[in-house]
Amino acid sequence: MAERLIFLTGHLAKARLERLLAGLGETEFAWEIVDIGVKVAALMTEDIIKRRLKLDHGADRIMLPGRYRGDLDRLSTHFGVPFVRGPDEIADLPAYLGRPGGPPDLSRHDMRIFAEIVDAPMLSIDEVVAQARALASAGADVIDVGCLPETPFPTLAEAVRELKALGFSVSVDSASIDELAIGARAGADFLLSLDENTLPLAFDHGATPVLIPSIPGDLDSLGRAIEAAERAGISFIADPVLDPIHFGFAPSLGRFIEARRRWPEVELMMGTGNLTELTDADSSGVTAMLTGLCSELQIRNVLTVNVSPHTARTVEEHDIARRIMFAARADGALPKSYHPGLLQVHDRKPFVATVDDINALAAEIRDANFRIVTAEDGVHIFNSRGHAVATDAFELFPGLGVEADGAHAFYLGAELMKAEIAWRLGKRYAQDEPLTWGVAAPAPETDRLRLAEAGHTLKAKKSKE
């Protein structure tokens, strides 16, 4: 027997919801739409639903709008039927209904992130600890204490000991064998980077060495270091070294592929900074490509670095990328539609309504409140007095009639400018909601159990009354 779904909505969205569900054609579920008696579906309350919803024909699930604020468990208990939130936008409903097994599981990954504190010798111990906490909060698993060439680091041992005492996993990254020895004696978990000549340092300490070729680009020398580490019976990670574009990038990709072919069971590392830092491109896309390569080659360790301002969120980007790639690989699927965290500038589906949808909605409006929506043809603003569309927000203002209402004018100016930015970039816009920028600028947490507070315009109006 087909599952029976009831969709709760409001006056303004009902017709569009009916068209969308009817457009699905034959479905594996039976459906019914219930107008709960409010204009805007997201403003329905738990009390309104309890008083107005009558389940005369039974139901297997009740679908609420994604922006509904209320306790689903209490509604489920009251009616004896599961209540669930759908997507925030009606346009996303077909994908939601067709998705097997509920939301994707992004709790798992198999990639360890080393995050380097690049200027550690110049920082106080407290500053090192503060950076370590920020990196760990962003998703780092190992705090890499970076040493600088020709720069004294008298507090190296103290920094490692303090980080270890606070529970961090720590690596020391230096070209100096003396600094690596100091870090090892202080209790570092990993040493970056040893080669076939300096590997004996790791035999005297418990730290795991990260091995690199003794001659740049020479996998044979890396192989000799691997063989020596295996004979000594110690754990290690091998790094064939990723080179920047135009300075050996393509051959270095080949080295990683060849390294995996030669040593199918060896733990590998990729340092992604030579691409993210040294390429003027949004780092989220670069990170997605490199973590995808790591996923295919089973490279389970990445070294991240943030020096350039445009890589400020590199740890967060690597964290969501490793989760997306793990989930997609487990599903045998493309890394699409798992999470929008790496879609920072553009959205896959920027417009949630067609021009026809907007025209139909505008025709139903009977009040003076302005609605702002974007579509392929530009920014739409409408209320009971009219409907205008433009690609330049400044063209819309003269027709709004809010010259004498400073608070309202300020609000509409801010919203229209936000809508224009979204339209020009191909991003999704929702009135009164912040634009989403993926992990580049995490949105503030919202409480799904409580309605949003009154906006600035309404507050200003009430203060005058």
Protein backbone atom coordinates (compact mmCIF):
# COMPACT_ATOMS: atom_id res chain seq x y z
CA MET A 1 0.00 0.00 0.00
CA ALA A 2 1.42 3.41 -1.01
CA GLU A 3 2.70 5.71 1.72
CA ARG A 4 0.33 8.62 2.33
CA LEU A 5 1.94 12.06 2.78
CA ILE A 6 0.19 15.22 3.91
CA PHE A 7 1.86 18.54 3.10
CA LEU A 8 0.96 21.44 5.37
CA THR A 9 1.21 24.86 3.79
CA GLY A 10 -0.28 28.37 3.74
CA HIS A 11 -2.50 30.32 1.36
CA LEU A 12 0.27 31.84 -0.75
CA ALA A 13 2.22 28.66 -1.42
CA LYS A 14 -0.67 26.24 -1.91
CA ALA A 15 -1.21 26.72 -5.65
CA ARG A 16 2.48 26.43 -6.42
CA LEU A 17 2.83 23.35 -4.23
CA GLU A 18 -0.10 21.74 -6.03
CA ARG A 19 1.47 22.41 -9.43
CA LEU A 20 4.81 21.03 -8.32
CA LEU A 21 3.41 17.81 -6.82
CA ALA A 22 1.11 17.27 -9.78
CA GLY A 23 4.10 17.73 -12.07
CA LEU A 24 5.85 14.78 -10.44
CA GLY A 25 3.47 12.47 -12.29
CA GLU A 26 3.04 8.98 -10.89
CA THR A 27 4.77 8.68 -7.50
CA GLU A 28 5.40 5.90 -5.03
CA PHE A 29 3.35 7.80 -2.46
CA ALA A 30 -0.13 9.29 -2.29
CA TRP A 31 -0.30 12.94 -1.32
CA GLU A 32 -2.66 15.58 -0.02
CA ILE A 33 -2.14 19.28 0.60
CA VAL A 34 -3.68 20.95 3.63
CA ASP A 35 -3.88 24.74 3.82
CA ILE A 36 -3.51 25.34 7.54
CA GLY A 37 -5.09 28.78 7.31
CA VAL A 38 -2.14 31.18 7.44
CA LYS A 39 -0.70 33.29 4.63
CA VAL A 40 2.94 32.30 5.02
CA ALA A 41 3.54 28.61 5.69
CA ALA A 42 6.66 29.18 7.77
CA LEU A 43 4.61 31.20 10.29
CA MET A 44 2.30 28.38 11.28
CA THR A 45 2.63 27.51 14.96
CA GLU A 46 2.30 24.32 16.93
CA ASP A 47 -0.94 25.58 18.48
CA ILE A 48 -2.44 26.45 15.07
CA ILE A 49 -1.59 23.00 13.70
CA LYS A 50 -3.09 21.23 16.72
CA ARG A 51 -6.33 23.22 16.45
CA ARG A 52 -6.82 23.18 12.70
CA LEU A 53 -5.38 19.94 11.35
CA LYS A 54 -7.93 17.14 10.98
CA LEU A 55 -6.57 13.77 9.87
CA ASP A 56 -9.86 12.41 8.60
CA HIS A 57 -8.28 10.02 6.09
CA GLY A 58 -5.17 9.07 8.01
CA ALA A 59 -1.53 9.68 7.05
CA ASP A 60 1.87 8.02 7.27
CA ARG A 61 3.87 11.26 7.41
CA ILE A 62 3.12 14.95 7.77
CA MET A 63 5.50 17.21 5.84
CA LEU A 64 6.15 20.70 7.18
CA PRO A 65 8.08 23.51 5.45
CA GLY A 66 11.80 23.50 6.25
CA ARG A 67 11.52 26.93 7.90
CA TYR A 68 8.81 25.81 10.32
CA ARG A 69 9.83 26.66 13.87
CA GLY A 70 8.38 24.22 16.38
CA ASP A 71 8.83 20.93 18.18
CA LEU A 72 8.19 18.07 15.77
CA ASP A 73 8.23 15.44 18.51
CA ARG A 74 5.31 17.07 20.34
CA LEU A 75 3.28 17.23 17.13
CA SER A 76 4.12 13.60 16.33
CA THR A 77 3.03 12.52 19.79
CA HIS A 78 -0.17 14.58 19.68
CA PHE A 79 -1.34 13.20 16.33
CA GLY A 80 0.28 9.78 16.49
CA VAL A 81 1.91 10.38 13.09
CA PRO A 82 5.53 11.33 12.30
CA PHE A 83 5.99 15.03 11.50
CA VAL A 84 9.08 15.92 9.43
CA ARG A 85 10.58 19.10 7.99
CA GLY A 86 11.01 19.23 4.26
CA PRO A 87 13.43 21.53 2.45
CA ASP A 88 13.37 25.29 2.99
CA GLU A 89 12.25 25.93 -0.59
CA ILE A 90 9.44 24.31 -2.55
CA ALA A 91 11.75 24.08 -5.55
CA ASP A 92 13.91 21.58 -3.66
CA LEU A 93 11.00 19.28 -2.82
CA PRO A 94 11.32 16.87 -5.79
CA ALA A 95 14.96 16.12 -4.94
CA TYR A 96 14.06 15.74 -1.28
CA LEU A 97 11.25 13.28 -2.01
CA GLY A 98 13.43 11.26 -4.36
CA ARG A 99 16.36 10.96 -2.01
CA PRO A 100 16.72 7.45 -0.58
CA GLY A 101 17.57 6.92 3.05
CA GLY A 102 17.19 10.52 4.23
CA PRO A 103 19.95 13.13 4.42
CA PRO A 104 23.50 12.03 3.50
CA ASP A 105 25.71 10.92 6.38
CA LEU A 106 28.67 13.31 6.56
CA SER A 107 29.81 12.22 10.00
CA ARG A 108 32.45 9.87 8.57
CA HIS A 109 35.77 10.36 6.83
CA ASP A 110 39.12 8.58 6.55
CA MET A 111 41.44 11.54 6.03
CA ARG A 112 43.66 13.16 8.67
CA ILE A 113 44.21 16.93 8.42
CA PHE A 114 47.57 18.35 9.47
CA ALA A 115 47.18 22.13 9.89
CA GLU A 116 50.39 24.15 10.02
CA ILE A 117 51.05 27.13 12.28
CA VAL A 118 53.39 28.73 9.78
CA ASP A 119 54.90 31.48 11.93
CA ALA A 120 55.23 29.53 15.18
CA PRO A 121 58.81 30.78 15.95
CA MET A 122 57.47 34.36 16.02
CA LEU A 123 54.61 33.60 18.44
CA SER A 124 54.32 33.34 22.19
CA ILE A 125 53.22 30.03 23.70
CA ASP A 126 49.78 31.50 24.38
CA GLU A 127 49.48 32.59 20.74
CA VAL A 128 50.51 29.13 19.52
CA VAL A 129 47.88 27.56 21.76
CA ALA A 130 45.22 30.01 20.55
CA GLN A 131 45.97 29.18 16.92
CA ALA A 132 45.97 25.46 17.69
CA ARG A 133 42.53 25.72 19.27
CA ALA A 134 41.17 27.63 16.28
CA LEU A 135 42.60 25.08 13.83
CA ALA A 136 41.24 22.13 15.82
CA SER A 137 37.83 23.79 15.98
CA ALA A 138 37.93 24.15 12.18
CA GLY A 139 38.57 20.43 11.75
CA ALA A 140 42.32 19.88 12.11
CA ASP A 141 43.40 16.56 13.59
CA VAL A 142 47.11 17.34 13.96
CA ILE A 143 48.64 20.72 14.82
CA ASP A 144 51.77 21.17 12.76
CA VAL A 145 54.34 23.45 14.41
CA GLY A 146 56.12 25.05 11.48
CA CYS A 147 59.74 26.11 11.80
CA LEU A 148 61.24 28.83 9.60
CA PRO A 149 64.61 28.68 7.82
CA GLU A 150 67.38 30.66 9.49
CA THR A 151 64.99 31.66 12.28
CA PRO A 152 65.72 30.75 15.91
CA PHE A 153 62.93 28.90 17.71
CA PRO A 154 64.00 28.83 21.37
CA THR A 155 60.48 27.95 22.60
CA LEU A 156 59.98 24.96 20.28
CA ALA A 157 60.21 22.31 22.99
CA GLU A 158 57.98 24.30 25.32
CA ALA A 159 55.39 24.80 22.57
CA VAL A 160 55.27 21.07 21.78
CA ARG A 161 55.02 20.11 25.45
CA GLU A 162 52.24 22.63 26.08
CA LEU A 163 50.22 21.48 23.09
CA LYS A 164 50.63 17.85 24.11
CA ALA A 165 49.60 18.66 27.68
CA LEU A 166 46.42 20.21 26.31
CA GLY A 167 45.59 17.04 24.39
CA PHE A 168 46.59 18.03 20.86
CA SER A 169 48.24 15.67 18.41
CA VAL A 170 51.39 17.52 17.28
CA SER A 171 53.80 17.44 14.37
CA VAL A 172 56.99 19.43 13.91
CA ASP A 173 57.87 20.61 10.40
CA SER A 174 61.45 21.69 9.80
CA ALA A 175 64.36 21.36 7.39
CA SER A 176 66.69 21.38 10.40
CA ILE A 177 67.59 18.01 11.89
CA ASP A 178 68.34 19.75 15.18
CA GLU A 179 64.85 21.26 15.41
CA LEU A 180 63.28 17.93 14.50
CA ALA A 181 65.29 16.27 17.27
CA ILE A 182 64.13 18.90 19.77
CA GLY A 183 60.53 18.35 18.73
CA ALA A 184 60.88 14.58 18.97
CA ARG A 185 62.36 14.76 22.47
CA ALA A 186 59.54 17.11 23.53
CA GLY A 187 56.96 14.49 22.56
CA ALA A 188 55.89 15.36 19.01
CA ASP A 189 53.73 12.69 17.38
CA PHE A 190 54.98 13.30 13.81
CA LEU A 191 58.14 14.68 12.21
CA LEU A 192 58.00 16.47 8.82
CA SER A 193 59.99 15.81 6.76
CA LEU A 194 62.70 13.12 6.85
CA ASP A 195 64.43 11.45 3.92
CA GLU A 196 66.66 8.40 3.51
CA ASN A 197 69.58 10.32 5.03
CA THR A 198 67.82 11.79 8.07
CA LEU A 199 65.46 8.90 8.80
CA PRO A 200 67.69 7.45 11.60
CA LEU A 201 66.44 10.30 13.82
CA ALA A 202 63.07 8.54 13.99
CA PHE A 203 64.66 5.29 15.22
CA ASP A 204 65.52 6.87 18.57
CA HIS A 205 62.09 8.40 19.25
CA GLY A 206 58.45 7.40 19.10
CA ALA A 207 57.45 10.07 16.58
CA THR A 208 56.09 8.93 13.20
CA PRO A 209 58.23 10.30 10.35
CA VAL A 210 56.78 11.75 7.17
CA LEU A 211 59.20 10.67 4.43
CA ILE A 212 60.04 12.70 1.33
CA PRO A 213 62.47 12.09 -1.57
CA SER A 214 66.06 13.09 -0.82
CA ILE A 215 66.26 14.35 -4.42
CA PRO A 216 63.22 16.44 -5.49
CA GLY A 217 60.92 14.38 -7.67
CA ASP A 218 62.90 11.15 -7.25
CA LEU A 219 60.59 8.32 -6.21
CA ASP A 220 63.48 5.89 -6.02
CA SER A 221 65.03 7.80 -3.13
CA LEU A 222 61.61 7.86 -1.44
CA GLY A 223 61.46 4.12 -1.99
CA ARG A 224 64.79 3.63 -0.23
CA ALA A 225 63.51 5.59 2.78
CA ILE A 226 60.34 3.47 2.82
CA GLU A 227 62.38 0.25 2.73
CA ALA A 228 64.59 1.47 5.59
CA ALA A 229 61.56 2.38 7.71
CA GLU A 230 59.96 -1.00 7.03
CA ARG A 231 63.17 -2.85 7.98
CA ALA A 232 63.26 -0.88 11.23
CA GLY A 233 59.64 -1.82 11.93
CA ILE A 234 58.46 1.76 12.51
CA SER A 235 55.28 3.47 11.38
CA PHE A 236 55.68 6.15 8.73
CA ILE A 237 53.88 8.25 6.13
CA ALA A 238 55.28 8.89 2.64
CA ASP A 239 54.89 12.20 0.78
CA PRO A 240 55.87 12.28 -2.92
CA VAL A 241 55.43 16.11 -2.72
CA LEU A 242 52.92 18.09 -4.76
CA ASP A 243 54.55 20.89 -6.77
CA PRO A 244 53.01 24.25 -7.85
CA ILE A 245 51.58 24.88 -11.30
CA HIS A 246 54.33 25.54 -13.90
CA PHE A 247 56.94 24.26 -11.47
CA GLY A 248 56.31 20.55 -11.85
CA PHE A 249 52.62 20.25 -10.99
CA ALA A 250 51.68 17.73 -13.69
CA PRO A 251 54.69 15.43 -13.09
CA SER A 252 54.04 15.58 -9.34
CA LEU A 253 50.48 14.33 -9.88
CA GLY A 254 52.02 11.46 -11.79
CA ARG A 255 54.31 10.74 -8.83
CA PHE A 256 51.35 10.31 -6.51
CA ILE A 257 49.70 7.91 -8.94
CA GLU A 258 52.95 5.98 -9.37
CA ALA A 259 53.59 5.96 -5.61
CA ARG A 260 50.22 4.35 -5.00
CA ARG A 261 50.95 1.79 -7.73
CA ARG A 262 54.35 0.93 -6.24
CA TRP A 263 53.27 0.91 -2.61
CA PRO A 264 49.55 0.01 -2.45
CA GLU A 265 49.54 -0.38 1.34
CA VAL A 266 51.72 2.57 2.37
CA GLU A 267 50.19 5.58 4.14
CA LEU A 268 50.59 8.64 1.92
CA MET A 269 50.40 12.38 2.55
CA MET A 270 49.67 15.27 0.20
CA GLY A 271 50.57 18.85 1.08
CA THR A 272 47.88 20.91 -0.65
CA GLY A 273 49.32 24.36 0.13
CA ASN A 274 51.45 24.49 -3.02
CA LEU A 275 48.18 24.66 -4.97
CA THR A 276 45.80 26.50 -2.64
CA GLU A 277 48.37 29.13 -1.59
CA LEU A 278 50.18 29.59 -4.87
CA THR A 279 47.20 29.82 -7.23
CA ASP A 280 44.96 32.89 -7.37
CA ALA A 281 41.73 30.94 -7.44
CA ASP A 282 39.07 30.32 -4.83
CA SER A 283 40.61 27.64 -2.68
CA SER A 284 37.37 25.68 -2.23
CA GLY A 285 37.44 24.41 -5.81
CA VAL A 286 41.14 23.59 -5.67
CA THR A 287 40.57 21.74 -2.41
CA ALA A 288 37.67 19.77 -3.88
CA MET A 289 39.84 18.56 -6.78
CA LEU A 290 42.78 17.61 -4.59
CA THR A 291 40.71 15.80 -1.96
CA GLY A 292 38.96 13.98 -4.81
CA LEU A 293 42.36 12.80 -6.03
CA CYS A 294 43.25 11.78 -2.47
CA SER A 295 39.98 9.86 -2.21
CA GLU A 296 40.68 7.91 -5.41
CA LEU A 297 44.28 7.15 -4.42
CA GLN A 298 43.46 6.45 -0.77
CA ILE A 299 45.72 9.23 0.46
CA ARG A 300 44.61 9.57 4.06
CA ASN A 301 46.75 12.50 5.21
CA VAL A 302 46.77 16.10 3.98
CA LEU A 303 48.91 19.01 5.12
CA THR A 304 47.13 22.37 4.97
CA VAL A 305 48.56 25.85 5.33
CA ASN A 306 47.07 29.33 5.50
CA VAL A 307 49.33 32.26 4.66
CA SER A 308 47.39 34.04 1.91
CA PRO A 309 44.13 35.75 2.94
CA HIS A 310 42.20 33.86 0.26
CA THR A 311 42.91 30.55 2.04
CA ALA A 312 41.60 31.69 5.42
CA ARG A 313 39.07 28.82 5.53
CA THR A 314 41.31 26.11 4.13
CA VAL A 315 40.93 23.76 7.10
CA GLU A 316 37.14 24.04 7.04
CA GLU A 317 37.20 23.42 3.29
CA HIS A 318 39.34 20.32 3.65
CA ASP A 319 37.11 19.08 6.46
CA ILE A 320 33.86 19.22 4.50
CA ALA A 321 35.62 18.02 1.32
CA ARG A 322 36.92 14.86 3.01
CA ARG A 323 33.42 14.09 4.30
CA ILE A 324 31.77 14.67 0.93
CA MET A 325 34.34 12.52 -0.86
CA PHE A 326 34.05 9.71 1.68
CA ALA A 327 30.25 9.64 1.42
CA ALA A 328 30.29 9.78 -2.39
CA ARG A 329 32.90 7.02 -2.62
CA ALA A 330 30.91 4.84 -0.21
CA ASP A 331 27.80 5.39 -2.35
CA GLY A 332 29.66 4.81 -5.61
CA ALA A 333 28.43 8.22 -6.67
CA LEU A 334 29.61 11.56 -7.97
CA PRO A 335 30.40 14.14 -5.27
CA LYS A 336 27.24 16.13 -6.05
CA SER A 337 24.30 17.14 -3.85
CA TYR A 338 25.96 15.99 -0.62
CA HIS A 339 26.66 19.39 0.95
CA PRO A 340 26.90 22.98 -0.37
CA GLY A 341 29.89 23.90 1.79
CA LEU A 342 32.28 24.19 -1.17
CA LEU A 343 29.78 26.08 -3.35
CA GLN A 344 30.73 29.50 -2.07
CA VAL A 345 30.29 31.89 -5.00
CA HIS A 346 27.56 30.20 -7.03
CA ASP A 347 24.69 27.82 -6.24
CA ARG A 348 23.68 24.79 -8.26
CA LYS A 349 20.04 25.93 -8.25
CA PRO A 350 20.01 29.69 -7.63
CA PHE A 351 16.39 30.48 -8.45
CA VAL A 352 13.68 28.84 -6.36
CA ALA A 353 10.82 30.30 -8.40
CA THR A 354 10.12 30.84 -12.09
CA VAL A 355 8.84 34.14 -13.48
CA ASP A 356 5.40 32.52 -13.83
CA ASP A 357 5.51 31.40 -10.20
CA ILE A 358 6.33 34.94 -9.09
CA ASN A 359 3.64 36.51 -11.27
CA ALA A 360 1.06 34.10 -9.85
CA LEU A 361 2.14 34.85 -6.28
CA ALA A 362 2.14 38.62 -6.86
CA ALA A 363 -1.41 38.46 -8.19
CA GLU A 364 -2.59 36.94 -4.90
CA ILE A 365 -1.01 39.52 -2.60
CA ARG A 366 -3.58 41.71 -0.84
CA ASP A 367 -1.40 43.60 1.64
CA ALA A 368 1.24 46.35 1.48
CA ASN A 369 4.17 44.23 2.69
CA PHE A 370 6.93 44.02 0.11
CA ARG A 371 8.06 40.59 -1.11
CA ILE A 372 11.44 40.30 -2.81
CA VAL A 373 12.31 37.31 -5.00
CA THR A 374 14.97 36.66 -7.65
CA ALA A 375 14.46 34.86 -10.94
CA GLU A 376 16.37 34.52 -14.17
CA ASP A 377 15.18 37.93 -15.38
CA GLY A 378 16.29 39.87 -12.29
CA VAL A 379 15.08 41.06 -8.88
CA HIS A 380 11.32 41.17 -8.34
CA ILE A 381 9.63 43.31 -5.67
CA PHE A 382 5.87 43.37 -5.24
CA ASN A 383 2.97 44.03 -2.91
CA SER A 384 -0.74 44.81 -3.37
CA ARG A 385 0.11 48.13 -5.05
CA GLY A 386 2.38 46.85 -7.76
CA HIS A 387 5.09 44.57 -9.12
CA ALA A 388 8.45 45.66 -10.52
CA VAL A 389 11.52 43.85 -11.78
CA ALA A 390 15.03 45.08 -12.56
CA THR A 391 18.62 43.92 -12.64
CA ASP A 392 19.81 47.07 -10.84
CA ALA A 393 18.44 47.58 -7.32
CA PHE A 394 18.69 51.37 -7.67
CA GLU A 395 16.15 51.31 -10.50
CA LEU A 396 13.53 49.89 -8.12
CA PHE A 397 13.73 52.38 -5.27
CA PRO A 398 11.91 55.39 -6.86
CA GLY A 399 8.72 53.36 -7.22
CA LEU A 400 8.55 52.03 -3.64
CA GLY A 401 7.10 55.12 -1.96
CA VAL A 402 9.08 54.79 1.26
CA GLU A 403 10.96 58.11 1.13
CA ALA A 404 9.34 59.24 4.38
CA ASP A 405 9.98 55.96 6.23
CA GLY A 406 13.70 55.81 6.96
CA ALA A 407 13.71 52.41 8.68
CA HIS A 408 11.70 50.77 5.92
CA ALA A 409 13.78 52.43 3.20
CA PHE A 410 16.99 51.22 4.85
CA TYR A 411 15.62 47.68 5.14
CA LEU A 412 14.47 47.56 1.51
CA GLY A 413 17.76 49.02 0.31
CA ALA A 414 19.73 46.36 2.17
CA GLU A 415 17.50 43.52 0.96
CA LEU A 416 17.43 44.70 -2.65
CA MET A 417 21.20 45.07 -2.75
CA LYS A 418 21.57 41.58 -1.27
CA ALA A 419 19.14 40.25 -3.87
CA GLU A 420 21.05 41.94 -6.70
CA ILE A 421 24.35 40.46 -5.50
CA ALA A 422 22.74 37.03 -5.37
CA TRP A 423 21.23 37.45 -8.85
CA ARG A 424 24.52 38.59 -10.41
CA LEU A 425 26.50 35.75 -8.85
CA GLY A 426 23.90 33.05 -9.43
CA LYS A 427 23.32 32.52 -5.72
CA ARG A 428 20.11 31.64 -3.94
CA TYR A 429 18.30 34.54 -2.29
CA ALA A 430 15.67 34.33 0.44
CA GLN A 431 14.19 37.49 1.91
CA ASP A 432 15.28 38.21 5.50
CA GLU A 433 17.83 35.39 5.36
CA PRO A 434 21.61 35.86 5.01
CA LEU A 435 23.22 34.81 1.75
CA THR A 436 24.99 31.49 2.12
CA TRP A 437 28.70 31.30 1.38
CA GLY A 438 29.40 27.67 2.26
CA VAL A 439 32.17 27.15 4.77
CA ALA A 440 33.75 30.44 3.65
CA ALA A 441 31.40 32.31 5.99
CA PRO A 442 29.35 29.98 8.17
CA ALA A 443 25.79 31.18 8.74
CA PRO A 444 24.67 31.83 12.32
CA GLU A 445 22.99 28.90 14.04
CA THR A 446 19.19 29.02 13.95
CA ASP A 447 16.82 27.56 16.50
CA ARG A 448 14.31 25.37 14.68
CA LEU A 449 12.09 25.32 17.76
CA ARG A 450 11.47 29.07 17.94
CA LEU A 451 10.18 31.69 15.54
CA ALA A 452 12.68 34.31 14.44
CA GLU A 453 12.63 37.61 16.29
CA ALA A 454 11.01 40.61 14.69
CA GLY A 455 13.17 42.26 12.04
CA HIS A 456 14.66 45.74 12.27
CA THR A 457 11.82 47.41 10.38
CA LEU A 458 9.10 45.97 12.59
CA LYS A 459 11.04 46.83 15.74
CA ALA A 460 11.41 50.42 14.55
CA LYS A 461 7.67 50.65 13.84
CA LYS A 462 6.72 49.30 17.25
CA SER A 463 9.07 51.70 19.03
CA LYS A 464 7.21 54.63 17.42
CA GLU A 465 3.75 53.40 18.37
